[in-house]
Amino acid sequence: MRLEKIKKLCLPVAVLFLGTLVLLSACTATGEAVDGGSFTPNGKKNSSGSVPQSSSSVDTLKVDSSFFGMFDWVRIPKATITRGVNAFGVNSFSMATTEVTQKTFKFIMNGIPKQSKEGDERAVSNVSWYRAVLFCNAFSKLAGLDTAYVYKSIVGDSILVDLTIDYSANAVRLPTENEWEVAAHGGTSTTYYWDTDVASKYAYYGQTAGPDEVAQKLPNGFGLYDMAGNVAEWVNDWYDAYPKNKSDNYTGPQKGEYRIVRGGGWSDKVNSLAPKEREKLDPVHSKVTVGFRLVYSAGF
């Protein structure tokens, strides 16, 4: 039964990523939008009652499909981010417009951790960093891509021994901290990507029960949903002070004790939702407020 499900899954997922690769190659040097169809993430409408449209200033990668685990991808343009007195370059990459849902995680991983609020289209939470990267590898394999996370063995509760991250791989992975922050700002330089507008129009926060369905709030300027609130999101980097020397496409320290979490979760206050805010968490641990989203890149 499981094998048959995987066979049915592999083709549409492979088609999605092959389509994405074709669309990426079709992007113009001026960053014009690539029109590949009319797919909207999960077919959802936001609180205003209309389907939000992504900014025409980024390359929106759309593939028309009924596959339930499909993501809509946007091309995040090359940018520079300031850390202290230094500026760090971040190459262009593609990011899923929504967080990974419970339905998608359950299918890919053949199971799901206990959720504080269950629902197929709700953002998955209570996922450790190690389980998140195992999801990335599993999704990449089903899509016919390489895998970004290389390790010797799995010990205990998904601890990956001798883990390295291959950023040159043609694969799905977690974003670096700098990639995540560039994407979260959505092309703005304000404290919040909604500037002085009402925060609750853009973010699900200050709640007591659990995560919401994805794409229920307004997106940021890049067409990304829930970059603030709903679930906080794992990134690849080890937690440490920001580097003092410039380093383009910075991927964080070589080792550490904690991985970084960004974006604030459904129970947080509004000041935790600013793109610059950082949290740290042991990669083997999980929280009901923490989930993740995917990026795709074919290397720096």
C-alpha atoms as a PDB file:
ATOM      1  CA  MET A   1       0.000   0.000   0.000  1.00  0.00           C
ATOM      2  CA  ARG A   2       2.770   2.432   0.970  1.00  0.00           C
ATOM      3  CA  LEU A   3       4.777   1.558  -2.152  1.00  0.00           C
ATOM      4  CA  GLU A   4       1.777   2.238  -4.352  1.00  0.00           C
ATOM      5  CA  LYS A   5       1.229   5.635  -2.704  1.00  0.00           C
ATOM      6  CA  ILE A   6       4.873   6.561  -3.284  1.00  0.00           C
ATOM      7  CA  LYS A   7       4.676   5.546  -6.946  1.00  0.00           C
ATOM      8  CA  LYS A   8       1.671   7.797  -7.377  1.00  0.00           C
ATOM      9  CA  LEU A   9       3.471  10.603  -5.577  1.00  0.00           C
ATOM     10  CA  CYS A  10       6.826  10.485  -7.326  1.00  0.00           C
ATOM     11  CA  LEU A  11       5.661  11.520 -10.781  1.00  0.00           C
ATOM     12  CA  PRO A  12       3.751  14.695  -9.813  1.00  0.00           C
ATOM     13  CA  VAL A  13       6.479  15.790  -7.429  1.00  0.00           C
ATOM     14  CA  ALA A  14       9.152  15.211 -10.053  1.00  0.00           C
ATOM     15  CA  VAL A  15       7.053  17.143 -12.546  1.00  0.00           C
ATOM     16  CA  LEU A  16       6.808  20.013 -10.064  1.00  0.00           C
ATOM     17  CA  PHE A  17      10.534  20.326  -9.617  1.00  0.00           C
ATOM     18  CA  LEU A  18      11.378  19.767 -13.259  1.00  0.00           C
ATOM     19  CA  GLY A  19       8.859  22.491 -14.022  1.00  0.00           C
ATOM     20  CA  THR A  20      10.482  24.700 -11.422  1.00  0.00           C
ATOM     21  CA  LEU A  21      13.910  24.155 -12.963  1.00  0.00           C
ATOM     22  CA  VAL A  22      12.585  25.035 -16.411  1.00  0.00           C
ATOM     23  CA  LEU A  23      10.941  28.156 -15.074  1.00  0.00           C
ATOM     24  CA  LEU A  24      14.093  29.184 -13.257  1.00  0.00           C
ATOM     25  CA  SER A  25      16.056  28.940 -16.472  1.00  0.00           C
ATOM     26  CA  ALA A  26      13.382  31.033 -18.191  1.00  0.00           C
ATOM     27  CA  CYS A  27      13.663  33.975 -15.788  1.00  0.00           C
ATOM     28  CA  THR A  28      14.930  37.110 -17.414  1.00  0.00           C
ATOM     29  CA  ALA A  29      17.921  39.075 -16.192  1.00  0.00           C
ATOM     30  CA  THR A  30      15.633  41.953 -15.242  1.00  0.00           C
ATOM     31  CA  GLY A  31      13.671  39.818 -12.822  1.00  0.00           C
ATOM     32  CA  GLU A  32      10.386  39.810 -14.719  1.00  0.00           C
ATOM     33  CA  ALA A  33       7.723  37.442 -13.446  1.00  0.00           C
ATOM     34  CA  VAL A  34       7.496  34.007 -15.045  1.00  0.00           C
ATOM     35  CA  ASP A  35       3.899  33.030 -15.676  1.00  0.00           C
ATOM     36  CA  GLY A  36       3.485  29.269 -15.409  1.00  0.00           C
ATOM     37  CA  GLY A  37      -0.196  28.882 -14.516  1.00  0.00           C
ATOM     38  CA  SER A  38      -2.834  29.954 -12.052  1.00  0.00           C
ATOM     39  CA  PHE A  39      -2.091  27.851  -8.967  1.00  0.00           C
ATOM     40  CA  THR A  40      -2.585  29.544  -5.578  1.00  0.00           C
ATOM     41  CA  PRO A  41      -1.212  27.901  -2.393  1.00  0.00           C
ATOM     42  CA  ASN A  42      -3.873  25.487  -1.086  1.00  0.00           C
ATOM     43  CA  GLY A  43      -6.541  27.444  -2.962  1.00  0.00           C
ATOM     44  CA  LYS A  44      -6.947  29.561   0.177  1.00  0.00           C
ATOM     45  CA  LYS A  45      -8.305  33.047   0.517  1.00  0.00           C
ATOM     46  CA  ASN A  46      -7.000  35.439   3.112  1.00  0.00           C
ATOM     47  CA  SER A  47      -8.969  37.325   5.745  1.00  0.00           C
ATOM     48  CA  SER A  48      -9.892  40.040   3.271  1.00  0.00           C
ATOM     49  CA  GLY A  49     -11.789  37.451   1.196  1.00  0.00           C
ATOM     50  CA  SER A  50      -9.549  37.648  -1.861  1.00  0.00           C
ATOM     51  CA  VAL A  51      -6.663  35.566  -3.103  1.00  0.00           C
ATOM     52  CA  PRO A  52      -3.481  37.638  -2.558  1.00  0.00           C
ATOM     53  CA  GLN A  53      -1.198  38.198  -5.513  1.00  0.00           C
ATOM     54  CA  SER A  54       2.578  38.006  -5.328  1.00  0.00           C
ATOM     55  CA  SER A  55       4.659  41.052  -6.141  1.00  0.00           C
ATOM     56  CA  SER A  56       5.439  41.365  -9.842  1.00  0.00           C
ATOM     57  CA  SER A  57       8.983  42.397  -8.885  1.00  0.00           C
ATOM     58  CA  VAL A  58       9.950  38.803  -8.106  1.00  0.00           C
ATOM     59  CA  ASP A  59       9.848  35.672 -10.198  1.00  0.00           C
ATOM     60  CA  THR A  60       6.738  33.742  -9.140  1.00  0.00           C
ATOM     61  CA  LEU A  61       7.033  30.071 -10.011  1.00  0.00           C
ATOM     62  CA  LYS A  62       3.591  28.523 -10.420  1.00  0.00           C
ATOM     63  CA  VAL A  63       2.648  25.012 -11.457  1.00  0.00           C
ATOM     64  CA  ASP A  64      -0.953  23.934 -11.947  1.00  0.00           C
ATOM     65  CA  SER A  65      -1.551  20.645 -10.103  1.00  0.00           C
ATOM     66  CA  SER A  66      -4.025  18.978  -7.763  1.00  0.00           C
ATOM     67  CA  PHE A  67      -1.342  17.184  -5.761  1.00  0.00           C
ATOM     68  CA  PHE A  68      -2.073  17.985  -2.102  1.00  0.00           C
ATOM     69  CA  GLY A  69       1.552  18.397  -1.058  1.00  0.00           C
ATOM     70  CA  MET A  70       2.459  20.864  -3.765  1.00  0.00           C
ATOM     71  CA  PHE A  71       4.154  24.114  -2.819  1.00  0.00           C
ATOM     72  CA  ASP A  72       4.043  27.401  -4.646  1.00  0.00           C
ATOM     73  CA  TRP A  73       7.556  28.834  -5.017  1.00  0.00           C
ATOM     74  CA  VAL A  74       8.786  32.403  -5.371  1.00  0.00           C
ATOM     75  CA  ARG A  75      12.187  33.489  -6.538  1.00  0.00           C
ATOM     76  CA  ILE A  76      13.804  35.732  -3.920  1.00  0.00           C
ATOM     77  CA  PRO A  77      16.099  38.235  -5.637  1.00  0.00           C
ATOM     78  CA  LYS A  78      19.765  38.704  -4.803  1.00  0.00           C
ATOM     79  CA  ALA A  79      20.138  41.061  -1.852  1.00  0.00           C
ATOM     80  CA  THR A  80      22.435  42.473   0.817  1.00  0.00           C
ATOM     81  CA  ILE A  81      21.792  42.202   4.542  1.00  0.00           C
ATOM     82  CA  THR A  82      23.485  44.283   7.254  1.00  0.00           C
ATOM     83  CA  ARG A  83      24.890  42.684  10.405  1.00  0.00           C
ATOM     84  CA  GLY A  84      26.325  45.330  12.702  1.00  0.00           C
ATOM     85  CA  VAL A  85      28.724  47.341  10.584  1.00  0.00           C
ATOM     86  CA  ASN A  86      29.127  44.711   7.881  1.00  0.00           C
ATOM     87  CA  ALA A  87      27.002  43.979   4.815  1.00  0.00           C
ATOM     88  CA  PHE A  88      26.587  40.398   3.594  1.00  0.00           C
ATOM     89  CA  GLY A  89      25.545  39.384   0.101  1.00  0.00           C
ATOM     90  CA  VAL A  90      22.818  36.758  -0.350  1.00  0.00           C
ATOM     91  CA  ASN A  91      22.403  35.112  -3.739  1.00  0.00           C
ATOM     92  CA  SER A  92      18.993  34.581  -5.302  1.00  0.00           C
ATOM     93  CA  PHE A  93      17.096  31.437  -4.288  1.00  0.00           C
ATOM     94  CA  SER A  94      13.561  30.012  -4.322  1.00  0.00           C
ATOM     95  CA  MET A  95      11.375  29.640  -1.235  1.00  0.00           C
ATOM     96  CA  ALA A  96       8.065  27.886  -0.620  1.00  0.00           C
ATOM     97  CA  THR A  97       5.333  30.460  -0.069  1.00  0.00           C
ATOM     98  CA  THR A  98       3.863  28.460   2.819  1.00  0.00           C
ATOM     99  CA  GLU A  99       5.108  26.519   5.812  1.00  0.00           C
ATOM    100  CA  VAL A 100       5.092  22.714   5.632  1.00  0.00           C
ATOM    101  CA  THR A 101       1.634  21.440   6.560  1.00  0.00           C
ATOM    102  CA  GLN A 102       0.683  18.515   8.764  1.00  0.00           C
ATOM    103  CA  LYS A 103      -0.726  16.653   5.772  1.00  0.00           C
ATOM    104  CA  THR A 104       2.456  16.964   3.739  1.00  0.00           C
ATOM    105  CA  PHE A 105       4.742  16.059   6.644  1.00  0.00           C
ATOM    106  CA  LYS A 106       2.667  12.989   7.505  1.00  0.00           C
ATOM    107  CA  PHE A 107       2.762  11.671   3.960  1.00  0.00           C
ATOM    108  CA  ILE A 108       6.460  12.248   3.315  1.00  0.00           C
ATOM    109  CA  MET A 109       7.593  10.944   6.723  1.00  0.00           C
ATOM    110  CA  ASN A 110       4.887   8.280   7.109  1.00  0.00           C
ATOM    111  CA  GLY A 111       3.931   9.774  10.482  1.00  0.00           C
ATOM    112  CA  ILE A 112       3.725  13.004  12.436  1.00  0.00           C
ATOM    113  CA  PRO A 113       4.617  14.211  15.957  1.00  0.00           C
ATOM    114  CA  LYS A 114       1.780  15.017  18.353  1.00  0.00           C
ATOM    115  CA  GLN A 115       0.187  18.320  17.355  1.00  0.00           C
ATOM    116  CA  SER A 116      -1.335  20.864  19.723  1.00  0.00           C
ATOM    117  CA  LYS A 117      -4.006  21.622  17.119  1.00  0.00           C
ATOM    118  CA  GLU A 118      -4.620  19.083  14.381  1.00  0.00           C
ATOM    119  CA  GLY A 119      -5.624  19.839  10.796  1.00  0.00           C
ATOM    120  CA  ASP A 120      -4.345  18.804   7.376  1.00  0.00           C
ATOM    121  CA  GLU A 121      -3.682  22.354   6.212  1.00  0.00           C
ATOM    122  CA  ARG A 122      -2.390  23.646   9.544  1.00  0.00           C
ATOM    123  CA  ALA A 123       1.350  24.259   9.762  1.00  0.00           C
ATOM    124  CA  VAL A 124       3.170  21.266  11.214  1.00  0.00           C
ATOM    125  CA  SER A 125       4.868  21.915  14.554  1.00  0.00           C
ATOM    126  CA  ASN A 126       6.641  20.025  17.322  1.00  0.00           C
ATOM    127  CA  VAL A 127       9.301  18.989  14.785  1.00  0.00           C
ATOM    128  CA  SER A 128      12.965  18.885  15.822  1.00  0.00           C
ATOM    129  CA  TRP A 129      15.615  20.406  13.563  1.00  0.00           C
ATOM    130  CA  TYR A 130      16.914  16.922  12.747  1.00  0.00           C
ATOM    131  CA  ARG A 131      13.460  15.721  11.699  1.00  0.00           C
ATOM    132  CA  ALA A 132      13.010  18.824   9.580  1.00  0.00           C
ATOM    133  CA  VAL A 133      16.210  18.127   7.631  1.00  0.00           C
ATOM    134  CA  LEU A 134      15.273  14.454   7.247  1.00  0.00           C
ATOM    135  CA  PHE A 135      12.028  15.688   5.702  1.00  0.00           C
ATOM    136  CA  CYS A 136      14.034  17.859   3.300  1.00  0.00           C
ATOM    137  CA  ASN A 137      16.124  14.877   2.216  1.00  0.00           C
ATOM    138  CA  ALA A 138      13.069  12.625   1.818  1.00  0.00           C
ATOM    139  CA  PHE A 139      11.220  15.255  -0.226  1.00  0.00           C
ATOM    140  CA  SER A 140      14.294  15.826  -2.409  1.00  0.00           C
ATOM    141  CA  LYS A 141      14.604  12.098  -3.112  1.00  0.00           C
ATOM    142  CA  LEU A 142      10.963  11.753  -4.115  1.00  0.00           C
ATOM    143  CA  ALA A 143      11.418  14.753  -6.417  1.00  0.00           C
ATOM    144  CA  GLY A 144      14.411  13.119  -8.114  1.00  0.00           C
ATOM    145  CA  LEU A 145      16.832  15.719  -6.738  1.00  0.00           C
ATOM    146  CA  ASP A 146      20.086  15.442  -4.812  1.00  0.00           C
ATOM    147  CA  THR A 147      20.098  15.695  -1.017  1.00  0.00           C
ATOM    148  CA  ALA A 148      21.655  18.604   0.863  1.00  0.00           C
ATOM    149  CA  TYR A 149      22.189  16.869   4.216  1.00  0.00           C
ATOM    150  CA  VAL A 150      24.948  14.259   4.351  1.00  0.00           C
ATOM    151  CA  TYR A 151      25.521  12.184   7.477  1.00  0.00           C
ATOM    152  CA  LYS A 152      27.098   8.932   8.633  1.00  0.00           C
ATOM    153  CA  SER A 153      24.266   7.458  10.698  1.00  0.00           C
ATOM    154  CA  ILE A 154      21.111   8.190  12.707  1.00  0.00           C
ATOM    155  CA  VAL A 155      21.269   7.720  16.474  1.00  0.00           C
ATOM    156  CA  GLY A 156      18.453   7.882  19.021  1.00  0.00           C
ATOM    157  CA  ASP A 157      15.699  10.363  18.221  1.00  0.00           C
ATOM    158  CA  SER A 158      16.886  11.267  14.717  1.00  0.00           C
ATOM    159  CA  ILE A 159      20.287  12.670  15.766  1.00  0.00           C
ATOM    160  CA  LEU A 160      22.408  12.785  12.605  1.00  0.00           C
ATOM    161  CA  VAL A 161      26.034  11.793  13.164  1.00  0.00           C
ATOM    162  CA  ASP A 162      28.843  13.595  11.303  1.00  0.00           C
ATOM    163  CA  LEU A 163      26.339  15.838   9.533  1.00  0.00           C
ATOM    164  CA  THR A 164      27.418  18.228   6.794  1.00  0.00           C
ATOM    165  CA  ILE A 165      25.266  20.473   4.590  1.00  0.00           C
ATOM    166  CA  ASP A 166      26.046  20.543   0.877  1.00  0.00           C
ATOM    167  CA  TYR A 167      24.958  23.979  -0.309  1.00  0.00           C
ATOM    168  CA  SER A 168      26.079  23.166  -3.854  1.00  0.00           C
ATOM    169  CA  ALA A 169      23.516  20.349  -4.132  1.00  0.00           C
ATOM    170  CA  ASN A 170      20.525  20.638  -6.424  1.00  0.00           C
ATOM    171  CA  ALA A 171      18.188  20.015  -3.488  1.00  0.00           C
ATOM    172  CA  VAL A 172      15.494  21.189  -1.113  1.00  0.00           C
ATOM    173  CA  ARG A 173      16.752  22.351   2.306  1.00  0.00           C
ATOM    174  CA  LEU A 174      16.144  24.761   5.155  1.00  0.00           C
ATOM    175  CA  PRO A 175      17.098  28.393   4.519  1.00  0.00           C
ATOM    176  CA  THR A 176      20.221  29.966   5.960  1.00  0.00           C
ATOM    177  CA  GLU A 177      19.554  32.649   8.556  1.00  0.00           C
ATOM    178  CA  ASN A 178      20.454  35.405   6.101  1.00  0.00           C
ATOM    179  CA  GLU A 179      18.259  33.916   3.365  1.00  0.00           C
ATOM    180  CA  TRP A 180      15.360  33.687   5.791  1.00  0.00           C
ATOM    181  CA  GLU A 181      15.691  37.318   6.905  1.00  0.00           C
ATOM    182  CA  VAL A 182      15.961  38.669   3.352  1.00  0.00           C
ATOM    183  CA  ALA A 183      12.828  36.698   2.434  1.00  0.00           C
ATOM    184  CA  ALA A 184      10.944  37.762   5.574  1.00  0.00           C
ATOM    185  CA  HIS A 185      11.458  41.467   4.911  1.00  0.00           C
ATOM    186  CA  GLY A 186       9.739  41.063   1.548  1.00  0.00           C
ATOM    187  CA  GLY A 187      11.737  43.887   0.004  1.00  0.00           C
ATOM    188  CA  THR A 188      11.136  46.308   2.880  1.00  0.00           C
ATOM    189  CA  SER A 189      13.554  47.815   5.398  1.00  0.00           C
ATOM    190  CA  THR A 190      10.968  48.530   8.114  1.00  0.00           C
ATOM    191  CA  THR A 191      10.806  46.811  11.526  1.00  0.00           C
ATOM    192  CA  TYR A 192       7.890  44.667  10.343  1.00  0.00           C
ATOM    193  CA  TYR A 193       7.165  43.849   6.720  1.00  0.00           C
ATOM    194  CA  TRP A 194       3.688  45.387   7.133  1.00  0.00           C
ATOM    195  CA  ASP A 195       5.255  48.631   8.430  1.00  0.00           C
ATOM    196  CA  THR A 196       2.570  50.414  10.507  1.00  0.00           C
ATOM    197  CA  ASP A 197      -0.429  48.436   9.223  1.00  0.00           C
ATOM    198  CA  VAL A 198      -2.436  46.206  11.589  1.00  0.00           C
ATOM    199  CA  ALA A 199      -0.243  43.205  12.508  1.00  0.00           C
ATOM    200  CA  SER A 200      -3.135  40.737  12.802  1.00  0.00           C
ATOM    201  CA  LYS A 201      -3.871  41.165   9.093  1.00  0.00           C
ATOM    202  CA  TYR A 202      -0.484  39.583   8.325  1.00  0.00           C
ATOM    203  CA  ALA A 203       0.366  37.355  11.289  1.00  0.00           C
ATOM    204  CA  TYR A 204      -1.333  34.754  13.474  1.00  0.00           C
ATOM    205  CA  TYR A 205       0.024  35.419  16.960  1.00  0.00           C
ATOM    206  CA  GLY A 206      -0.979  35.913  20.610  1.00  0.00           C
ATOM    207  CA  GLN A 207      -3.053  32.717  20.551  1.00  0.00           C
ATOM    208  CA  THR A 208      -3.506  29.937  23.124  1.00  0.00           C
ATOM    209  CA  ALA A 209      -4.475  26.844  21.120  1.00  0.00           C
ATOM    210  CA  GLY A 210      -2.024  26.079  18.293  1.00  0.00           C
ATOM    211  CA  PRO A 211      -1.113  26.888  14.674  1.00  0.00           C
ATOM    212  CA  ASP A 212      -3.583  28.030  12.045  1.00  0.00           C
ATOM    213  CA  GLU A 213      -4.036  26.794   8.489  1.00  0.00           C
ATOM    214  CA  VAL A 214      -1.345  28.215   6.241  1.00  0.00           C
ATOM    215  CA  ALA A 215      -1.962  31.190   3.912  1.00  0.00           C
ATOM    216  CA  GLN A 216      -4.842  32.647   5.913  1.00  0.00           C
ATOM    217  CA  LYS A 217      -3.183  36.027   6.410  1.00  0.00           C
ATOM    218  CA  LEU A 218      -1.868  38.567   3.930  1.00  0.00           C
ATOM    219  CA  PRO A 219       1.532  37.746   2.383  1.00  0.00           C
ATOM    220  CA  ASN A 220       4.600  39.957   2.417  1.00  0.00           C
ATOM    221  CA  GLY A 221       5.926  41.782  -0.629  1.00  0.00           C
ATOM    222  CA  PHE A 222       7.499  38.607  -2.044  1.00  0.00           C
ATOM    223  CA  GLY A 223       4.240  36.672  -1.798  1.00  0.00           C
ATOM    224  CA  LEU A 224       5.340  34.652   1.267  1.00  0.00           C
ATOM    225  CA  TYR A 225       2.730  33.748   3.866  1.00  0.00           C
ATOM    226  CA  ASP A 226       3.213  33.462   7.631  1.00  0.00           C
ATOM    227  CA  MET A 227       6.786  34.715   7.697  1.00  0.00           C
ATOM    228  CA  ALA A 228       5.689  36.150  11.043  1.00  0.00           C
ATOM    229  CA  GLY A 229       3.626  34.107  13.481  1.00  0.00           C
ATOM    230  CA  ASN A 230       1.733  30.831  12.968  1.00  0.00           C
ATOM    231  CA  VAL A 231       4.819  28.668  13.604  1.00  0.00           C
ATOM    232  CA  ALA A 232       8.346  29.921  14.166  1.00  0.00           C
ATOM    233  CA  GLU A 233      10.729  28.410  11.616  1.00  0.00           C
ATOM    234  CA  TRP A 234      13.974  26.476  11.836  1.00  0.00           C
ATOM    235  CA  VAL A 235      16.910  27.708   9.766  1.00  0.00           C
ATOM    236  CA  ASN A 236      20.170  25.903   9.018  1.00  0.00           C
ATOM    237  CA  ASP A 237      22.638  27.975  11.032  1.00  0.00           C
ATOM    238  CA  TRP A 238      24.161  27.209  14.398  1.00  0.00           C
ATOM    239  CA  TYR A 239      23.411  29.973  16.901  1.00  0.00           C
ATOM    240  CA  ASP A 240      26.252  32.421  17.629  1.00  0.00           C
ATOM    241  CA  ALA A 241      27.042  36.121  17.582  1.00  0.00           C
ATOM    242  CA  TYR A 242      26.947  37.654  14.126  1.00  0.00           C
ATOM    243  CA  PRO A 243      30.302  37.484  12.341  1.00  0.00           C
ATOM    244  CA  LYS A 244      32.568  40.522  12.472  1.00  0.00           C
ATOM    245  CA  ASN A 245      33.978  40.021   8.998  1.00  0.00           C
ATOM    246  CA  LYS A 246      32.116  40.207   5.726  1.00  0.00           C
ATOM    247  CA  SER A 247      31.193  36.862   4.161  1.00  0.00           C
ATOM    248  CA  ASP A 248      28.846  36.587   1.202  1.00  0.00           C
ATOM    249  CA  ASN A 249      26.370  33.685   1.331  1.00  0.00           C
ATOM    250  CA  TYR A 250      27.225  33.153   4.980  1.00  0.00           C
ATOM    251  CA  THR A 251      26.055  29.779   6.287  1.00  0.00           C
ATOM    252  CA  GLY A 252      26.776  30.218   9.984  1.00  0.00           C
ATOM    253  CA  PRO A 253      29.397  28.782  12.349  1.00  0.00           C
ATOM    254  CA  GLN A 254      30.889  25.351  11.668  1.00  0.00           C
ATOM    255  CA  LYS A 255      29.645  23.989  14.988  1.00  0.00           C
ATOM    256  CA  GLY A 256      27.532  24.958  17.971  1.00  0.00           C
ATOM    257  CA  GLU A 257      25.078  23.871  20.631  1.00  0.00           C
ATOM    258  CA  TYR A 258      21.839  25.398  19.337  1.00  0.00           C
ATOM    259  CA  ARG A 259      20.232  25.942  15.930  1.00  0.00           C
ATOM    260  CA  ILE A 260      18.421  29.182  15.101  1.00  0.00           C
ATOM    261  CA  VAL A 261      14.655  29.683  15.015  1.00  0.00           C
ATOM    262  CA  ARG A 262      13.084  32.715  13.301  1.00  0.00           C
ATOM    263  CA  GLY A 263       9.721  34.416  12.813  1.00  0.00           C
ATOM    264  CA  GLY A 264       7.865  33.950  16.100  1.00  0.00           C
ATOM    265  CA  GLY A 265       5.056  31.479  16.720  1.00  0.00           C
ATOM    266  CA  TRP A 266       1.316  31.449  17.338  1.00  0.00           C
ATOM    267  CA  SER A 267       1.683  32.148  21.086  1.00  0.00           C
ATOM    268  CA  ASP A 268       4.223  34.984  20.816  1.00  0.00           C
ATOM    269  CA  LYS A 269       3.738  38.717  21.286  1.00  0.00           C
ATOM    270  CA  VAL A 270       4.048  41.046  18.328  1.00  0.00           C
ATOM    271  CA  ASN A 271       7.590  42.212  19.144  1.00  0.00           C
ATOM    272  CA  SER A 272       8.825  38.637  18.610  1.00  0.00           C
ATOM    273  CA  LEU A 273       7.592  38.729  15.004  1.00  0.00           C
ATOM    274  CA  ALA A 274      10.109  41.230  13.623  1.00  0.00           C
ATOM    275  CA  PRO A 275      12.394  39.667  10.975  1.00  0.00           C
ATOM    276  CA  LYS A 276      15.521  40.567  12.972  1.00  0.00           C
ATOM    277  CA  GLU A 277      14.457  38.627  16.101  1.00  0.00           C
ATOM    278  CA  ARG A 278      16.360  35.388  16.820  1.00  0.00           C
ATOM    279  CA  GLU A 279      15.681  32.381  19.029  1.00  0.00           C
ATOM    280  CA  LYS A 280      17.826  29.341  19.748  1.00  0.00           C
ATOM    281  CA  LEU A 281      16.868  25.723  20.371  1.00  0.00           C
ATOM    282  CA  ASP A 282      18.722  22.433  20.745  1.00  0.00           C
ATOM    283  CA  PRO A 283      18.318  20.698  17.346  1.00  0.00           C
ATOM    284  CA  VAL A 284      17.166  17.483  19.015  1.00  0.00           C
ATOM    285  CA  HIS A 285      14.345  19.287  20.823  1.00  0.00           C
ATOM    286  CA  SER A 286      10.980  20.349  19.465  1.00  0.00           C
ATOM    287  CA  LYS A 287       8.299  22.868  20.460  1.00  0.00           C
ATOM    288  CA  VAL A 288       4.612  23.141  19.647  1.00  0.00           C
ATOM    289  CA  THR A 289       5.302  26.652  18.335  1.00  0.00           C
ATOM    290  CA  VAL A 290       8.109  25.676  15.920  1.00  0.00           C
ATOM    291  CA  GLY A 291       7.843  24.312  12.376  1.00  0.00           C
ATOM    292  CA  PHE A 292       9.676  25.017   9.096  1.00  0.00           C
ATOM    293  CA  ARG A 293       9.500  25.875   5.405  1.00  0.00           C
ATOM    294  CA  LEU A 294      11.587  24.873   2.406  1.00  0.00           C
ATOM    295  CA  VAL A 295      13.982  26.592   0.071  1.00  0.00           C
ATOM    296  CA  TYR A 296      15.332  25.320  -3.211  1.00  0.00           C
ATOM    297  CA  SER A 297      18.632  26.281  -4.748  1.00  0.00           C
ATOM    298  CA  ALA A 298      21.077  24.711  -7.131  1.00  0.00           C
ATOM    299  CA  GLY A 299      24.050  25.969  -5.155  1.00  0.00           C
ATOM    300  CA  PHE A 300      25.676  29.285  -4.326  1.00  0.00           C
END
